[in-house]
Protein backbone atom coordinates (compact mmCIF):
# COMPACT_ATOMS: atom_id res chain seq x y z
CA MET A 1 -1.89 -19.05 5.07
CA LEU A 2 -4.62 -16.81 3.73
CA ALA A 3 -3.42 -13.95 5.93
CA LYS A 4 0.09 -14.21 4.48
CA ILE A 5 -1.25 -14.12 0.93
CA LEU A 6 -3.39 -11.05 1.66
CA ILE A 7 -0.48 -9.26 3.33
CA LEU A 8 1.84 -9.99 0.41
CA ALA A 9 -0.80 -8.93 -2.11
CA THR A 10 -1.31 -5.65 -0.27
CA LEU A 11 2.45 -5.04 -0.17
CA ALA A 12 2.59 -5.72 -3.91
CA LEU A 13 -0.20 -3.19 -4.52
CA ILE A 14 1.65 -0.63 -2.40
CA LEU A 15 4.80 -1.10 -4.48
CA VAL A 16 2.87 -0.91 -7.77
CA SER A 17 1.27 2.35 -6.65
CA LEU A 18 4.62 3.77 -5.57
CA PHE A 19 6.41 2.94 -8.81
CA SER A 20 3.50 4.09 -10.99
CA ALA A 21 3.68 7.45 -9.24
CA LEU A 22 7.42 7.54 -9.87
CA ALA A 23 6.92 6.76 -13.56
CA MET A 24 4.26 9.45 -13.92
CA LEU A 25 6.49 11.93 -12.11
CA PHE A 26 9.32 11.51 -14.61
CA LYS A 27 7.14 11.46 -17.74
CA ASN A 28 5.75 14.99 -17.86
CA ASP A 29 5.54 18.26 -15.99
CA ASP A 30 1.93 18.66 -17.04
CA GLN A 31 -0.51 19.72 -14.32
CA ALA A 32 -2.84 16.79 -15.08
CA LYS A 33 0.03 14.36 -14.57
CA ARG A 34 0.80 15.91 -11.19
CA LYS A 35 -2.75 15.17 -10.09
CA LEU A 36 -2.26 11.54 -11.10
CA VAL A 37 0.96 11.39 -9.09
CA VAL A 38 -0.82 12.77 -6.04
CA GLN A 39 -3.67 10.27 -6.49
CA ALA A 40 -1.24 7.34 -6.80
CA LEU A 41 0.61 8.42 -3.67
CA THR A 42 -2.69 8.86 -1.82
CA VAL A 43 -3.65 5.31 -2.75
CA ARG A 44 -0.29 4.09 -1.46
CA ILE A 45 -0.73 5.89 1.85
CA GLY A 46 -4.26 4.55 2.22
CA LEU A 47 -3.12 0.99 1.53
CA SER A 48 -0.25 1.33 3.98
CA ILE A 49 -2.51 2.58 6.76
CA ALA A 50 -5.07 -0.13 6.04
CA LEU A 51 -2.38 -2.82 6.14
CA PHE A 52 -1.06 -1.49 9.42
CA LEU A 53 -4.53 -1.49 10.99
CA VAL A 54 -5.27 -4.99 9.71
CA LEU A 55 -1.99 -6.27 11.14
CA ILE A 56 -2.75 -4.73 14.53
CA ALA A 57 -6.30 -6.14 14.52
CA SER A 58 -5.05 -9.57 13.43
CA PHE A 59 -2.54 -9.64 16.26
CA TYR A 60 -5.15 -8.47 18.78
CA PHE A 61 -7.70 -11.12 17.73
CA GLY A 62 -5.10 -13.89 17.62
CA LEU A 63 -5.01 -14.47 13.87
CA ILE A 64 -1.30 -13.71 13.90
CA PRO A 65 0.45 -15.41 16.83
CA GLY A 66 2.99 -13.47 18.84
CA ARG A 67 6.49 -14.69 19.57
CA GLY A 68 7.26 -16.32 22.89
């Protein structure tokens, strides 16, 4: 149950990062805002890769059972 909560929380953080970057992108064309957009998208990519690696490790160590 804890694994499901952590996975859903990470997915929520990924979506928050994605939509915050979208909001900053449409607000201004200022160079400082572009850096914030890049940082938000970098955080999203980092969270996505981390989630993917955690899912693979959880499956490998048997924390997430396979089908069949």
